[in-house]
C-alpha atoms as a PDB file:
ATOM      1  CA  UNK A   1     -24.047  11.055   5.078  1.00  0.00           C
ATOM      2  CA  UNK A   2     -26.674   8.383   5.580  1.00  0.00           C
ATOM      3  CA  UNK A   3     -25.895   5.055   7.211  1.00  0.00           C
ATOM      4  CA  UNK A   4     -24.840   2.359   4.756  1.00  0.00           C
ATOM      5  CA  UNK A   5     -21.963   1.895   2.348  1.00  0.00           C
ATOM      6  CA  UNK A   6     -19.993   4.991   1.315  1.00  0.00           C
ATOM      7  CA  UNK A   7     -17.248   5.278  -1.303  1.00  0.00           C
ATOM      8  CA  UNK A   8     -14.274   7.220   0.053  1.00  0.00           C
ATOM      9  CA  UNK A   9     -12.203   7.070  -3.135  1.00  0.00           C
ATOM     10  CA  UNK A  10     -12.523   5.284  -6.466  1.00  0.00           C
ATOM     11  CA  UNK A  11     -10.585   4.783  -9.666  1.00  0.00           C
ATOM     12  CA  UNK A  12     -11.880   8.161 -10.839  1.00  0.00           C
ATOM     13  CA  UNK A  13      -9.136   9.740  -8.718  1.00  0.00           C
ATOM     14  CA  UNK A  14      -6.584   8.379 -11.218  1.00  0.00           C
ATOM     15  CA  UNK A  15      -8.047  10.142 -14.277  1.00  0.00           C
ATOM     16  CA  UNK A  16      -5.577  13.029 -14.268  1.00  0.00           C
ATOM     17  CA  UNK A  17      -3.232  15.022 -12.042  1.00  0.00           C
ATOM     18  CA  UNK A  18      -5.983  17.327 -10.748  1.00  0.00           C
ATOM     19  CA  UNK A  19      -8.244  14.442  -9.710  1.00  0.00           C
ATOM     20  CA  UNK A  20      -5.280  12.651  -8.187  1.00  0.00           C
ATOM     21  CA  UNK A  21      -4.081  15.520  -6.013  1.00  0.00           C
ATOM     22  CA  UNK A  22      -7.591  16.162  -4.711  1.00  0.00           C
ATOM     23  CA  UNK A  23      -7.579  12.720  -3.043  1.00  0.00           C
ATOM     24  CA  UNK A  24      -3.909  11.756  -2.647  1.00  0.00           C
ATOM     25  CA  UNK A  25      -0.613  13.136  -1.384  1.00  0.00           C
ATOM     26  CA  UNK A  26       2.814  12.288  -2.769  1.00  0.00           C
ATOM     27  CA  UNK A  27       5.540  10.377  -0.869  1.00  0.00           C
ATOM     28  CA  UNK A  28       4.939   9.048   2.667  1.00  0.00           C
ATOM     29  CA  UNK A  29       3.068  10.890   5.429  1.00  0.00           C
ATOM     30  CA  UNK A  30       6.458  11.207   7.181  1.00  0.00           C
ATOM     31  CA  UNK A  31       8.600  12.256   4.211  1.00  0.00           C
ATOM     32  CA  UNK A  32      10.466  10.857   1.209  1.00  0.00           C
ATOM     33  CA  UNK A  33      12.368   7.951   2.796  1.00  0.00           C
ATOM     34  CA  UNK A  34      11.404   4.599   4.269  1.00  0.00           C
ATOM     35  CA  UNK A  35      13.139   1.274   4.991  1.00  0.00           C
ATOM     36  CA  UNK A  36      14.555   0.536   1.534  1.00  0.00           C
ATOM     37  CA  UNK A  37      17.037   2.117  -0.858  1.00  0.00           C
ATOM     38  CA  UNK A  38      14.567   4.312  -2.802  1.00  0.00           C
ATOM     39  CA  UNK A  39      13.845   7.994  -2.209  1.00  0.00           C
ATOM     40  CA  UNK A  40      10.446   9.221  -3.343  1.00  0.00           C
ATOM     41  CA  UNK A  41       9.819  12.021  -5.839  1.00  0.00           C
ATOM     42  CA  UNK A  42       6.654  13.599  -7.260  1.00  0.00           C
ATOM     43  CA  UNK A  43       7.920  13.111 -10.820  1.00  0.00           C
ATOM     44  CA  UNK A  44       7.903   9.321 -10.363  1.00  0.00           C
ATOM     45  CA  UNK A  45       4.118   9.237  -9.872  1.00  0.00           C
ATOM     46  CA  UNK A  46       1.991   9.853 -12.991  1.00  0.00           C
ATOM     47  CA  UNK A  47      -1.826   9.660 -13.005  1.00  0.00           C
ATOM     48  CA  UNK A  48      -3.543   9.471 -16.393  1.00  0.00           C
ATOM     49  CA  UNK A  49      -6.655   7.869 -17.895  1.00  0.00           C
ATOM     50  CA  UNK A  50      -7.542   5.884 -14.799  1.00  0.00           C
ATOM     51  CA  UNK A  51      -4.073   4.506 -14.057  1.00  0.00           C
ATOM     52  CA  UNK A  52      -1.131   5.550 -11.933  1.00  0.00           C
ATOM     53  CA  UNK A  53       2.364   4.635 -13.098  1.00  0.00           C
ATOM     54  CA  UNK A  54       5.042   4.457 -10.416  1.00  0.00           C
ATOM     55  CA  UNK A  55       8.602   4.328 -11.704  1.00  0.00           C
ATOM     56  CA  UNK A  56      11.873   3.469  -9.979  1.00  0.00           C
ATOM     57  CA  UNK A  57      15.049   4.743 -11.631  1.00  0.00           C
ATOM     58  CA  UNK A  58      18.605   3.868 -10.577  1.00  0.00           C
ATOM     59  CA  UNK A  59      20.528   6.925  -9.399  1.00  0.00           C
ATOM     60  CA  UNK A  60      23.168   8.109 -11.832  1.00  0.00           C
ATOM     61  CA  UNK A  61      26.079   8.054  -9.384  1.00  0.00           C
ATOM     62  CA  UNK A  62      26.255   5.526  -6.547  1.00  0.00           C
ATOM     63  CA  UNK A  63      26.290   7.229  -3.159  1.00  0.00           C
ATOM     64  CA  UNK A  64      25.418  10.638  -4.581  1.00  0.00           C
ATOM     65  CA  UNK A  65      22.145  10.898  -2.625  1.00  0.00           C
ATOM     66  CA  UNK A  66      23.435   9.658   0.711  1.00  0.00           C
ATOM     67  CA  UNK A  67      21.494   7.229   2.889  1.00  0.00           C
ATOM     68  CA  UNK A  68      17.858   6.833   3.855  1.00  0.00           C
ATOM     69  CA  UNK A  69      16.767   8.804   6.901  1.00  0.00           C
ATOM     70  CA  UNK A  70      14.832   5.730   8.080  1.00  0.00           C
ATOM     71  CA  UNK A  71      16.160   2.581   9.711  1.00  0.00           C
ATOM     72  CA  UNK A  72      18.165   0.611   8.516  1.00  0.00           C
ATOM     73  CA  UNK A  73      19.533   3.704   6.698  1.00  0.00           C
ATOM     74  CA  UNK A  74      20.346   2.049   3.383  1.00  0.00           C
ATOM     75  CA  UNK A  75      22.300   3.927   0.743  1.00  0.00           C
ATOM     76  CA  UNK A  76      19.907   5.513  -1.769  1.00  0.00           C
ATOM     77  CA  UNK A  77      20.158   3.588  -5.042  1.00  0.00           C
ATOM     78  CA  UNK A  78      16.845   4.613  -6.691  1.00  0.00           C
ATOM     79  CA  UNK A  79      14.492   7.510  -7.238  1.00  0.00           C
ATOM     80  CA  UNK A  80      10.961   6.126  -7.035  1.00  0.00           C
ATOM     81  CA  UNK A  81       7.352   7.034  -6.277  1.00  0.00           C
ATOM     82  CA  UNK A  82       4.849   6.495  -3.479  1.00  0.00           C
ATOM     83  CA  UNK A  83       1.550   8.137  -2.550  1.00  0.00           C
ATOM     84  CA  UNK A  84      -1.014   8.021   0.243  1.00  0.00           C
ATOM     85  CA  UNK A  85      -4.695   8.756   0.745  1.00  0.00           C
ATOM     86  CA  UNK A  86      -5.446  12.137   2.297  1.00  0.00           C
ATOM     87  CA  UNK A  87      -8.397  10.754   4.251  1.00  0.00           C
ATOM     88  CA  UNK A  88      -7.415   8.442   7.067  1.00  0.00           C
ATOM     89  CA  UNK A  89      -8.993   5.034   7.656  1.00  0.00           C
ATOM     90  CA  UNK A  90     -10.443   4.448  11.125  1.00  0.00           C
ATOM     91  CA  UNK A  91     -12.193   1.216  12.039  1.00  0.00           C
ATOM     92  CA  UNK A  92     -14.575   1.832  14.917  1.00  0.00           C
ATOM     93  CA  UNK A  93     -18.176   1.460  16.060  1.00  0.00           C
ATOM     94  CA  UNK A  94     -19.344   4.177  13.657  1.00  0.00           C
ATOM     95  CA  UNK A  95     -17.536   2.648  10.645  1.00  0.00           C
ATOM     96  CA  UNK A  96     -17.147  -1.047  11.528  1.00  0.00           C
ATOM     97  CA  UNK A  97     -16.754  -2.456   7.998  1.00  0.00           C
ATOM     98  CA  UNK A  98     -14.248  -1.451   5.317  1.00  0.00           C
ATOM     99  CA  UNK A  99     -13.630  -2.831   1.828  1.00  0.00           C
ATOM    100  CA  UNK A 100     -10.426  -1.859  -0.022  1.00  0.00           C
ATOM    101  CA  UNK A 101      -9.387  -3.189  -3.422  1.00  0.00           C
ATOM    102  CA  UNK A 102      -6.951  -2.435  -6.217  1.00  0.00           C
ATOM    103  CA  UNK A 103      -5.848  -3.758  -9.574  1.00  0.00           C
ATOM    104  CA  UNK A 104      -2.107  -3.807 -10.121  1.00  0.00           C
ATOM    105  CA  UNK A 105       0.725  -4.907 -12.368  1.00  0.00           C
ATOM    106  CA  UNK A 106       3.955  -5.344 -10.449  1.00  0.00           C
ATOM    107  CA  UNK A 107       7.582  -6.236 -11.171  1.00  0.00           C
ATOM    108  CA  UNK A 108       8.847  -9.368  -9.449  1.00  0.00           C
ATOM    109  CA  UNK A 109      12.622  -9.217  -9.858  1.00  0.00           C
ATOM    110  CA  UNK A 110      15.047  -9.118  -6.931  1.00  0.00           C
ATOM    111  CA  UNK A 111      15.166  -5.667  -5.384  1.00  0.00           C
ATOM    112  CA  UNK A 112      11.621  -4.552  -6.289  1.00  0.00           C
ATOM    113  CA  UNK A 113       9.222  -3.999  -3.387  1.00  0.00           C
ATOM    114  CA  UNK A 114       5.763  -2.795  -4.507  1.00  0.00           C
ATOM    115  CA  UNK A 115       3.044  -2.781  -1.847  1.00  0.00           C
ATOM    116  CA  UNK A 116      -0.378  -1.444  -0.892  1.00  0.00           C
ATOM    117  CA  UNK A 117      -0.737  -1.158   2.859  1.00  0.00           C
ATOM    118  CA  UNK A 118      -2.151   0.881   5.690  1.00  0.00           C
ATOM    119  CA  UNK A 119      -0.516   1.731   8.982  1.00  0.00           C
ATOM    120  CA  UNK A 120      -1.194   3.679  12.161  1.00  0.00           C
ATOM    121  CA  UNK A 121      -1.034   7.452  11.807  1.00  0.00           C
ATOM    122  CA  UNK A 122      -0.004   7.890  15.444  1.00  0.00           C
ATOM    123  CA  UNK A 123       1.538   4.543  16.426  1.00  0.00           C
ATOM    124  CA  UNK A 124       2.932   1.263  15.110  1.00  0.00           C
ATOM    125  CA  UNK A 125       1.335  -1.254  15.208  1.00  0.00           C
ATOM    126  CA  UNK A 126      -1.187  -1.380  13.561  1.00  0.00           C
ATOM    127  CA  UNK A 127      -0.276  -2.376  10.005  1.00  0.00           C
ATOM    128  CA  UNK A 128      -2.096  -4.317   7.294  1.00  0.00           C
ATOM    129  CA  UNK A 129      -0.508  -5.170   3.925  1.00  0.00           C
ATOM    130  CA  UNK A 130      -3.030  -6.441   1.426  1.00  0.00           C
ATOM    131  CA  UNK A 131      -0.548  -6.558  -1.452  1.00  0.00           C
ATOM    132  CA  UNK A 132       3.211  -6.831  -1.013  1.00  0.00           C
ATOM    133  CA  UNK A 133       5.817  -8.344  -3.342  1.00  0.00           C
ATOM    134  CA  UNK A 134       9.402  -8.738  -2.199  1.00  0.00           C
ATOM    135  CA  UNK A 135      11.593  -9.535  -5.171  1.00  0.00           C
ATOM    136  CA  UNK A 136       9.690 -12.537  -6.538  1.00  0.00           C
ATOM    137  CA  UNK A 137       6.198 -13.644  -7.598  1.00  0.00           C
ATOM    138  CA  UNK A 138       4.902 -14.342  -4.074  1.00  0.00           C
ATOM    139  CA  UNK A 139       2.284 -11.905  -2.779  1.00  0.00           C
ATOM    140  CA  UNK A 140       2.486 -11.351   0.962  1.00  0.00           C
ATOM    141  CA  UNK A 141      -0.689 -10.466   2.874  1.00  0.00           C
ATOM    142  CA  UNK A 142       0.117  -9.498   6.426  1.00  0.00           C
ATOM    143  CA  UNK A 143      -1.246  -8.072   9.641  1.00  0.00           C
ATOM    144  CA  UNK A 144       1.048  -6.664  12.341  1.00  0.00           C
ATOM    145  CA  UNK A 145      -0.270  -6.852  15.865  1.00  0.00           C
ATOM    146  CA  UNK A 146       2.978  -6.729  17.806  1.00  0.00           C
ATOM    147  CA  UNK A 147       3.861  -9.904  15.904  1.00  0.00           C
ATOM    148  CA  UNK A 148       3.378 -10.716  12.237  1.00  0.00           C
ATOM    149  CA  UNK A 149       0.603 -12.832  10.766  1.00  0.00           C
ATOM    150  CA  UNK A 150       1.652 -13.513   7.168  1.00  0.00           C
ATOM    151  CA  UNK A 151       0.555 -15.653   4.239  1.00  0.00           C
ATOM    152  CA  UNK A 152       2.330 -15.902   0.880  1.00  0.00           C
ATOM    153  CA  UNK A 153       0.522 -16.742  -2.362  1.00  0.00           C
ATOM    154  CA  UNK A 154       2.349 -17.353  -5.628  1.00  0.00           C
ATOM    155  CA  UNK A 155       0.805 -15.164  -8.335  1.00  0.00           C
ATOM    156  CA  UNK A 156       1.171 -16.290 -11.927  1.00  0.00           C
ATOM    157  CA  UNK A 157       2.601 -13.453 -14.075  1.00  0.00           C
ATOM    158  CA  UNK A 158       2.321 -10.667 -11.484  1.00  0.00           C
ATOM    159  CA  UNK A 159       3.325  -8.195 -14.197  1.00  0.00           C
ATOM    160  CA  UNK A 160      -0.128  -8.805 -15.711  1.00  0.00           C
ATOM    161  CA  UNK A 161      -3.222  -7.251 -14.136  1.00  0.00           C
ATOM    162  CA  UNK A 162      -4.453  -8.890 -10.925  1.00  0.00           C
ATOM    163  CA  UNK A 163      -6.851  -7.755  -8.222  1.00  0.00           C
ATOM    164  CA  UNK A 164      -6.007  -7.521  -4.519  1.00  0.00           C
ATOM    165  CA  UNK A 165      -8.506  -6.845  -1.762  1.00  0.00           C
ATOM    166  CA  UNK A 166      -8.978  -6.675   1.984  1.00  0.00           C
ATOM    167  CA  UNK A 167     -12.275  -6.608   3.879  1.00  0.00           C
ATOM    168  CA  UNK A 168     -11.995  -5.475   7.499  1.00  0.00           C
ATOM    169  CA  UNK A 169     -14.789  -6.128  10.005  1.00  0.00           C
ATOM    170  CA  UNK A 170     -15.029  -4.884  13.572  1.00  0.00           C
ATOM    171  CA  UNK A 171     -15.844  -7.940  15.692  1.00  0.00           C
ATOM    172  CA  UNK A 172     -16.035  -6.330  19.133  1.00  0.00           C
ATOM    173  CA  UNK A 173     -14.464  -3.506  21.118  1.00  0.00           C
ATOM    174  CA  UNK A 174     -10.944  -4.912  20.636  1.00  0.00           C
ATOM    175  CA  UNK A 175     -10.841  -7.201  17.584  1.00  0.00           C
ATOM    176  CA  UNK A 176     -10.816  -6.507  13.843  1.00  0.00           C
ATOM    177  CA  UNK A 177     -10.985  -9.434  11.400  1.00  0.00           C
ATOM    178  CA  UNK A 178      -9.165  -9.067   8.065  1.00  0.00           C
ATOM    179  CA  UNK A 179     -10.114 -11.099   4.988  1.00  0.00           C
ATOM    180  CA  UNK A 180      -7.485 -10.999   2.236  1.00  0.00           C
ATOM    181  CA  UNK A 181      -8.283 -11.838  -1.404  1.00  0.00           C
ATOM    182  CA  UNK A 182      -6.362 -12.234  -4.665  1.00  0.00           C
ATOM    183  CA  UNK A 183      -8.332 -12.270  -7.925  1.00  0.00           C
ATOM    184  CA  UNK A 184     -11.552 -12.695  -5.967  1.00  0.00           C
ATOM    185  CA  UNK A 185     -10.370 -15.758  -4.022  1.00  0.00           C
ATOM    186  CA  UNK A 186     -10.065 -15.628  -0.227  1.00  0.00           C
ATOM    187  CA  UNK A 187      -6.454 -16.425   0.720  1.00  0.00           C
ATOM    188  CA  UNK A 188      -6.241 -15.799   4.463  1.00  0.00           C
ATOM    189  CA  UNK A 189      -8.136 -14.471   7.475  1.00  0.00           C
ATOM    190  CA  UNK A 190      -6.268 -12.713  10.266  1.00  0.00           C
ATOM    191  CA  UNK A 191      -7.301 -10.895  13.450  1.00  0.00           C
ATOM    192  CA  UNK A 192      -5.758  -7.844  15.108  1.00  0.00           C
ATOM    193  CA  UNK A 193      -6.345  -6.064  18.402  1.00  0.00           C
ATOM    194  CA  UNK A 194      -4.526  -2.819  17.511  1.00  0.00           C
ATOM    195  CA  UNK A 195      -6.776  -1.244  14.855  1.00  0.00           C
ATOM    196  CA  UNK A 196      -9.890  -0.203  16.778  1.00  0.00           C
ATOM    197  CA  UNK A 197     -10.130   3.611  16.894  1.00  0.00           C
ATOM    198  CA  UNK A 198      -6.598   3.892  15.473  1.00  0.00           C
ATOM    199  CA  UNK A 199      -6.484   6.233  12.441  1.00  0.00           C
ATOM    200  CA  UNK A 200      -4.422   4.786   9.583  1.00  0.00           C
ATOM    201  CA  UNK A 201      -2.755   6.001   6.414  1.00  0.00           C
ATOM    202  CA  UNK A 202      -3.372   4.026   3.196  1.00  0.00           C
ATOM    203  CA  UNK A 203      -0.136   3.936   1.176  1.00  0.00           C
ATOM    204  CA  UNK A 204       0.643   2.786  -2.372  1.00  0.00           C
ATOM    205  CA  UNK A 205       4.357   2.186  -2.180  1.00  0.00           C
ATOM    206  CA  UNK A 206       7.158   1.416  -4.632  1.00  0.00           C
ATOM    207  CA  UNK A 207      10.161   0.856  -2.377  1.00  0.00           C
ATOM    208  CA  UNK A 208      13.321  -0.957  -3.513  1.00  0.00           C
ATOM    209  CA  UNK A 209      15.845  -3.440  -2.123  1.00  0.00           C
ATOM    210  CA  UNK A 210      15.664  -3.842   1.673  1.00  0.00           C
ATOM    211  CA  UNK A 211      13.424  -6.862   2.351  1.00  0.00           C
ATOM    212  CA  UNK A 212      13.161  -7.543  -1.390  1.00  0.00           C
ATOM    213  CA  UNK A 213      16.847  -8.384  -1.737  1.00  0.00           C
ATOM    214  CA  UNK A 214      19.900  -6.799  -3.322  1.00  0.00           C
ATOM    215  CA  UNK A 215      21.410  -5.852  -5.619  1.00  0.00           C
ATOM    216  CA  UNK A 216      18.345  -4.524  -7.350  1.00  0.00           C
ATOM    217  CA  UNK A 217      17.867  -4.132 -11.114  1.00  0.00           C
ATOM    218  CA  UNK A 218      20.012  -1.757 -13.136  1.00  0.00           C
ATOM    219  CA  UNK A 219      17.137  -0.913 -15.509  1.00  0.00           C
ATOM    220  CA  UNK A 220      14.106   1.266 -14.620  1.00  0.00           C
ATOM    221  CA  UNK A 221      11.167  -0.596 -13.071  1.00  0.00           C
ATOM    222  CA  UNK A 222       7.438   0.169 -13.248  1.00  0.00           C
ATOM    223  CA  UNK A 223       4.450  -0.522 -10.972  1.00  0.00           C
ATOM    224  CA  UNK A 224       0.976   0.143 -12.436  1.00  0.00           C
ATOM    225  CA  UNK A 225      -2.162   0.708 -10.348  1.00  0.00           C
ATOM    226  CA  UNK A 226      -5.817   1.172 -11.342  1.00  0.00           C
ATOM    227  CA  UNK A 227      -9.333   0.897  -9.922  1.00  0.00           C
ATOM    228  CA  UNK A 228      -8.281   1.582  -6.358  1.00  0.00           C
ATOM    229  CA  UNK A 229     -11.503   1.706  -4.344  1.00  0.00           C
ATOM    230  CA  UNK A 230     -11.998   2.356  -0.634  1.00  0.00           C
ATOM    231  CA  UNK A 231     -15.479   1.858   0.804  1.00  0.00           C
ATOM    232  CA  UNK A 232     -16.796   1.888   4.351  1.00  0.00           C
ATOM    233  CA  UNK A 233     -20.105   1.032   5.961  1.00  0.00           C
ATOM    234  CA  UNK A 234     -21.583   3.340   8.572  1.00  0.00           C
ATOM    235  CA  UNK A 235     -23.435   1.689  11.413  1.00  0.00           C
ATOM    236  CA  UNK A 236     -27.180   2.550  11.482  1.00  0.00           C
ATOM    237  CA  UNK A 237     -26.867   3.262  15.205  1.00  0.00           C
ATOM    238  CA  UNK A 238     -24.700   6.351  14.541  1.00  0.00           C
END
C-alpha cells in the first residue's frame, strides 16, 4: 500500500453474511462470556443490507445456563450478540493516525449495555470506548490508562440513529491523543500512554446488566449498527 489514508473496513462489510464473515468474527476474541449477564451466540448477530442487528433475549429458565466464565461471574440471564474485527488496530510510527466511526441505534433501559470499543490483544490496559451506554441515555467515552478518563454526554433519543467517532493521533513515542465525537461534535480529548505498539481488538458489544444495572428488561432488546468505518494513515517515512 502507498502512504496516506487507507480504509481497513467500511459499511460494505455489513451487506450480507458472506461480506460480514470476511471482515469480522463472532463473539469476543476470548470466547462467549464477558463481565455482564449475557452469553454471546452467532444467531444473535445478523448482517443484511448494510446493517447489523444485535439481539439480546432473556433465557427461558433462570439459572439454566450457569454463570459467566469472566469476573464477576454473573448468572447468565440473556443470549446476545457481539463481534470483533479480524484485523487488529496498532497505533505506531508506521500508522500514527486512526479514524473510527459508526452509526448506531441503541436501547437505553436499565440492564442494556451496548458499546463499541477496542482493547489490548495481549494486555489490559489499553482500552478505548468511543460509544458505551449503561442503562440510560448517557453515552460514555472513555480511555483506560491504568486509571479511567471518562466523559458522559446525554444523547437525545439514543434509539434513533446517531454517529459516534474517535480519532487517535500518535503524539510521540509514548503518547496517543484520542478525540471523541458524537454527531460530529467533539465531546472530549483524552491522552493515553499504553497504546503505542500495542495491538488491539475492535469490538461491537451487546452485553447486559453488570455496570448497566439490574434487573434487566424481560422483553428482547435490539442494538442496530451501520456504516462502521475504520481508516488509518500510513506515515510517508515508512
